[in-house]
Amino acid sequence: MSNRLRALALYKELQRLGKDYPDPSYDFKATVRRMFEKNRNLTDDAEIEKAIKFGEYIKEETLALYSLRKYRHLKRMYPDSIPGGNSKEPPMT
C-alpha cells in the first residue's frame, strides 16, 4: 500500500476514534487534522514513515484510553463483593 493510502486510512481511522474522545475540552479531531496538515508536504520516505508510525502510536494510545475508560466504568458498576474489598456493601455472613 502506498504511503498516501496508508496516511489517508490512518487519518480516517483517527477521525472516527475522535468521536468518542472522553475529554470534551480537548478537540481531538482538530488536533489530528493539524498534525496531518503539518506533515502534508513531506517528501522523504523515511520522514513519511516516521510520521505514519507516530500516528499509529497515537491510535494505539487512544484505543488503550478507551478500554481503560470502559474498565473503570465496569469497575464502578460492579464493585468487588469480597469481604474487605472495595465494596460499600456490608460483607456477607
N, C-alpha and C. Protein backbone atom coordinates (compact mmCIF):
# COMPACT_ATOMS: atom_id res chain seq x y z
N MET A 1 0.85 -1.17 0.00
CA MET A 1 0.00 0.00 0.00
C MET A 1 0.90 1.24 0.00
N SER A 2 0.54 2.20 -0.79
CA SER A 2 1.37 3.40 -0.88
C SER A 2 1.26 4.23 0.40
N ASN A 3 2.23 5.09 0.59
CA ASN A 3 2.23 5.94 1.78
C ASN A 3 1.01 6.84 1.83
N ARG A 4 0.60 7.32 0.66
CA ARG A 4 -0.57 8.20 0.62
C ARG A 4 -1.83 7.48 1.10
N LEU A 5 -2.03 6.25 0.63
CA LEU A 5 -3.21 5.50 1.05
C LEU A 5 -3.14 5.13 2.53
N ARG A 6 -1.95 4.80 3.00
CA ARG A 6 -1.79 4.48 4.43
C ARG A 6 -2.10 5.70 5.28
N ALA A 7 -1.63 6.86 4.85
CA ALA A 7 -1.87 8.10 5.60
C ALA A 7 -3.36 8.45 5.61
N LEU A 8 -4.01 8.30 4.46
CA LEU A 8 -5.45 8.59 4.40
C LEU A 8 -6.25 7.64 5.27
N ALA A 9 -5.91 6.35 5.23
CA ALA A 9 -6.62 5.37 6.06
C ALA A 9 -6.42 5.67 7.54
N LEU A 10 -5.19 6.03 7.91
CA LEU A 10 -4.90 6.37 9.30
C LEU A 10 -5.67 7.62 9.72
N TYR A 11 -5.71 8.61 8.84
CA TYR A 11 -6.44 9.85 9.14
C TYR A 11 -7.92 9.55 9.39
N LYS A 12 -8.52 8.76 8.51
CA LYS A 12 -9.94 8.43 8.67
C LYS A 12 -10.18 7.67 9.97
N GLU A 13 -9.30 6.75 10.28
CA GLU A 13 -9.46 5.97 11.50
C GLU A 13 -9.33 6.85 12.74
N LEU A 14 -8.37 7.76 12.75
CA LEU A 14 -8.22 8.66 13.88
C LEU A 14 -9.41 9.61 14.01
N GLN A 15 -9.97 10.04 12.89
CA GLN A 15 -11.15 10.90 12.95
C GLN A 15 -12.34 10.15 13.54
N ARG A 16 -12.48 8.87 13.17
CA ARG A 16 -13.55 8.06 13.76
C ARG A 16 -13.34 7.87 15.26
N LEU A 17 -12.11 7.62 15.65
CA LEU A 17 -11.81 7.45 17.08
C LEU A 17 -12.08 8.74 17.85
N GLY A 18 -11.91 9.87 17.21
CA GLY A 18 -12.10 11.15 17.87
C GLY A 18 -13.54 11.43 18.26
N LYS A 19 -14.48 10.72 17.67
CA LYS A 19 -15.89 10.94 18.00
C LYS A 19 -16.18 10.64 19.46
N ASP A 20 -15.49 9.65 20.02
CA ASP A 20 -15.76 9.20 21.38
C ASP A 20 -14.70 9.62 22.37
N TYR A 21 -13.89 10.62 22.03
CA TYR A 21 -12.80 11.01 22.93
C TYR A 21 -13.38 11.48 24.26
N PRO A 22 -12.88 10.96 25.39
CA PRO A 22 -13.52 11.21 26.68
C PRO A 22 -13.43 12.64 27.21
N ASP A 23 -12.47 13.42 26.77
CA ASP A 23 -12.32 14.79 27.28
C ASP A 23 -12.89 15.78 26.27
N PRO A 24 -14.09 16.31 26.52
CA PRO A 24 -14.70 17.21 25.53
C PRO A 24 -13.95 18.53 25.37
N SER A 25 -13.16 18.92 26.36
CA SER A 25 -12.44 20.19 26.25
C SER A 25 -11.23 20.08 25.31
N TYR A 26 -10.78 18.85 25.05
CA TYR A 26 -9.65 18.63 24.14
C TYR A 26 -10.22 18.28 22.77
N ASP A 27 -9.98 19.11 21.80
CA ASP A 27 -10.53 18.90 20.45
C ASP A 27 -9.64 17.93 19.69
N PHE A 28 -9.88 16.64 19.89
CA PHE A 28 -9.04 15.59 19.33
C PHE A 28 -9.03 15.64 17.80
N LYS A 29 -10.22 15.77 17.21
CA LYS A 29 -10.31 15.74 15.75
C LYS A 29 -9.56 16.91 15.11
N ALA A 30 -9.66 18.09 15.70
CA ALA A 30 -8.95 19.25 15.15
C ALA A 30 -7.44 19.10 15.33
N THR A 31 -7.03 18.50 16.44
CA THR A 31 -5.61 18.27 16.67
C THR A 31 -5.05 17.30 15.65
N VAL A 32 -5.80 16.24 15.36
CA VAL A 32 -5.37 15.27 14.35
C VAL A 32 -5.26 15.96 12.99
N ARG A 33 -6.23 16.78 12.67
CA ARG A 33 -6.20 17.48 11.38
C ARG A 33 -4.96 18.38 11.28
N ARG A 34 -4.67 19.13 12.35
CA ARG A 34 -3.48 19.99 12.34
C ARG A 34 -2.20 19.18 12.17
N MET A 35 -2.12 18.04 12.83
CA MET A 35 -0.93 17.20 12.72
C MET A 35 -0.74 16.72 11.28
N PHE A 36 -1.83 16.30 10.65
CA PHE A 36 -1.73 15.81 9.28
C PHE A 36 -1.43 16.95 8.31
N GLU A 37 -2.02 18.11 8.53
CA GLU A 37 -1.73 19.25 7.66
C GLU A 37 -0.28 19.70 7.79
N LYS A 38 0.27 19.61 8.99
CA LYS A 38 1.66 20.00 9.22
C LYS A 38 2.60 19.10 8.42
N ASN A 39 2.25 17.83 8.28
CA ASN A 39 3.10 16.87 7.58
C ASN A 39 2.69 16.65 6.13
N ARG A 40 1.83 17.48 5.62
CA ARG A 40 1.30 17.31 4.26
C ARG A 40 2.39 17.34 3.19
N ASN A 41 3.40 18.17 3.36
CA ASN A 41 4.40 18.38 2.32
C ASN A 41 5.65 17.53 2.49
N LEU A 42 5.61 16.51 3.31
CA LEU A 42 6.77 15.63 3.46
C LEU A 42 7.02 14.87 2.17
N THR A 43 8.28 14.76 1.77
CA THR A 43 8.61 14.02 0.55
C THR A 43 9.57 12.87 0.82
N ASP A 44 10.35 12.96 1.87
CA ASP A 44 11.31 11.91 2.19
C ASP A 44 10.56 10.70 2.75
N ASP A 45 10.82 9.52 2.17
CA ASP A 45 10.11 8.31 2.59
C ASP A 45 10.35 7.98 4.06
N ALA A 46 11.54 8.24 4.55
CA ALA A 46 11.85 7.94 5.96
C ALA A 46 11.03 8.85 6.88
N GLU A 47 10.91 10.12 6.53
CA GLU A 47 10.13 11.05 7.34
C GLU A 47 8.64 10.70 7.29
N ILE A 48 8.16 10.31 6.12
CA ILE A 48 6.76 9.92 5.98
C ILE A 48 6.48 8.69 6.84
N GLU A 49 7.39 7.72 6.77
CA GLU A 49 7.23 6.50 7.57
C GLU A 49 7.23 6.83 9.06
N LYS A 50 8.09 7.74 9.47
CA LYS A 50 8.16 8.15 10.88
C LYS A 50 6.85 8.81 11.31
N ALA A 51 6.29 9.66 10.46
CA ALA A 51 5.03 10.34 10.77
C ALA A 51 3.88 9.34 10.85
N ILE A 52 3.86 8.36 9.95
CA ILE A 52 2.81 7.34 9.98
C ILE A 52 2.93 6.49 11.24
N LYS A 53 4.15 6.13 11.60
CA LYS A 53 4.36 5.35 12.83
C LYS A 53 3.88 6.14 14.06
N PHE A 54 4.14 7.44 14.08
CA PHE A 54 3.67 8.26 15.19
C PHE A 54 2.14 8.29 15.23
N GLY A 55 1.50 8.39 14.06
CA GLY A 55 0.04 8.36 14.00
C GLY A 55 -0.52 7.04 14.49
N GLU A 56 0.16 5.94 14.14
CA GLU A 56 -0.28 4.63 14.63
C GLU A 56 -0.10 4.52 16.14
N TYR A 57 0.95 5.13 16.67
CA TYR A 57 1.15 5.17 18.11
C TYR A 57 0.00 5.93 18.79
N ILE A 58 -0.38 7.06 18.23
CA ILE A 58 -1.50 7.84 18.77
C ILE A 58 -2.77 7.00 18.74
N LYS A 59 -2.97 6.26 17.66
CA LYS A 59 -4.16 5.40 17.55
C LYS A 59 -4.17 4.35 18.65
N GLU A 60 -3.04 3.68 18.87
CA GLU A 60 -2.95 2.65 19.90
C GLU A 60 -3.18 3.23 21.29
N GLU A 61 -2.61 4.39 21.55
CA GLU A 61 -2.79 5.02 22.86
C GLU A 61 -4.25 5.44 23.08
N THR A 62 -4.89 5.91 22.03
CA THR A 62 -6.29 6.31 22.13
C THR A 62 -7.17 5.09 22.40
N LEU A 63 -6.89 3.99 21.70
CA LEU A 63 -7.64 2.76 21.95
C LEU A 63 -7.42 2.27 23.38
N ALA A 64 -6.21 2.38 23.88
CA ALA A 64 -5.94 1.99 25.27
C ALA A 64 -6.71 2.88 26.24
N LEU A 65 -6.79 4.16 25.94
CA LEU A 65 -7.55 5.09 26.77
C LEU A 65 -9.02 4.70 26.81
N TYR A 66 -9.58 4.32 25.66
CA TYR A 66 -10.98 3.92 25.60
C TYR A 66 -11.22 2.65 26.41
N SER A 67 -10.33 1.66 26.29
CA SER A 67 -10.57 0.44 27.05
C SER A 67 -10.39 0.68 28.54
N LEU A 68 -9.49 1.57 28.93
CA LEU A 68 -9.34 1.91 30.34
C LEU A 68 -10.60 2.61 30.85
N ARG A 69 -11.17 3.47 30.03
CA ARG A 69 -12.41 4.14 30.42
C ARG A 69 -13.53 3.13 30.61
N LYS A 70 -13.63 2.14 29.71
CA LYS A 70 -14.66 1.11 29.83
C LYS A 70 -14.42 0.27 31.08
N TYR A 71 -13.16 -0.06 31.34
CA TYR A 71 -12.84 -0.85 32.53
C TYR A 71 -13.22 -0.10 33.80
N ARG A 72 -12.91 1.17 33.86
CA ARG A 72 -13.26 1.96 35.04
C ARG A 72 -14.76 2.03 35.24
N HIS A 73 -15.50 2.16 34.14
CA HIS A 73 -16.95 2.20 34.23
C HIS A 73 -17.48 0.88 34.79
N LEU A 74 -16.98 -0.24 34.26
CA LEU A 74 -17.42 -1.54 34.76
C LEU A 74 -17.04 -1.73 36.22
N LYS A 75 -15.88 -1.26 36.59
CA LYS A 75 -15.42 -1.38 37.98
C LYS A 75 -16.36 -0.61 38.92
N ARG A 76 -16.83 0.55 38.47
CA ARG A 76 -17.77 1.32 39.30
C ARG A 76 -19.14 0.68 39.34
N MET A 77 -19.56 0.07 38.23
CA MET A 77 -20.88 -0.54 38.17
C MET A 77 -20.95 -1.82 38.99
N TYR A 78 -19.88 -2.60 39.00
CA TYR A 78 -19.86 -3.89 39.69
C TYR A 78 -18.68 -3.95 40.66
N PRO A 79 -18.82 -3.30 41.81
CA PRO A 79 -17.70 -3.30 42.76
C PRO A 79 -17.46 -4.70 43.31
N ASP A 80 -16.29 -4.90 43.85
CA ASP A 80 -15.95 -6.20 44.44
C ASP A 80 -16.91 -6.50 45.58
N SER A 81 -17.38 -7.73 45.65
CA SER A 81 -18.24 -8.13 46.77
C SER A 81 -17.48 -9.03 47.73
N ILE A 82 -16.17 -9.03 47.63
CA ILE A 82 -15.33 -9.82 48.52
C ILE A 82 -15.23 -9.09 49.86
N PRO A 83 -15.40 -9.81 51.00
CA PRO A 83 -15.25 -9.12 52.29
C PRO A 83 -13.89 -8.45 52.40
N GLY A 84 -13.92 -7.22 52.86
CA GLY A 84 -12.68 -6.45 52.96
C GLY A 84 -12.27 -5.81 51.65
N GLY A 85 -13.08 -5.96 50.61
CA GLY A 85 -12.77 -5.38 49.31
C GLY A 85 -13.18 -3.93 49.25
N ASN A 86 -13.31 -3.41 48.06
CA ASN A 86 -13.65 -2.00 47.87
C ASN A 86 -15.15 -1.76 47.88
N SER A 87 -15.93 -2.79 48.15
CA SER A 87 -17.37 -2.67 48.09
C SER A 87 -17.91 -1.83 49.23
N LYS A 88 -18.98 -1.12 48.98
CA LYS A 88 -19.63 -0.34 50.02
C LYS A 88 -20.71 -1.16 50.71
N GLU A 89 -20.95 -2.36 50.20
CA GLU A 89 -21.94 -3.24 50.82
C GLU A 89 -21.30 -3.94 52.01
N PRO A 90 -22.10 -4.23 53.04
CA PRO A 90 -21.53 -4.97 54.18
C PRO A 90 -21.16 -6.39 53.75
N PRO A 91 -20.12 -6.97 54.35
CA PRO A 91 -19.73 -8.33 53.99
C PRO A 91 -20.82 -9.33 54.32
N MET A 92 -20.94 -10.35 53.49
CA MET A 92 -21.93 -11.40 53.71
C MET A 92 -21.47 -12.30 54.84
N THR A 93 -22.40 -12.65 55.76
CA THR A 93 -22.05 -13.54 56.87
C THR A 93 -22.80 -14.83 56.81
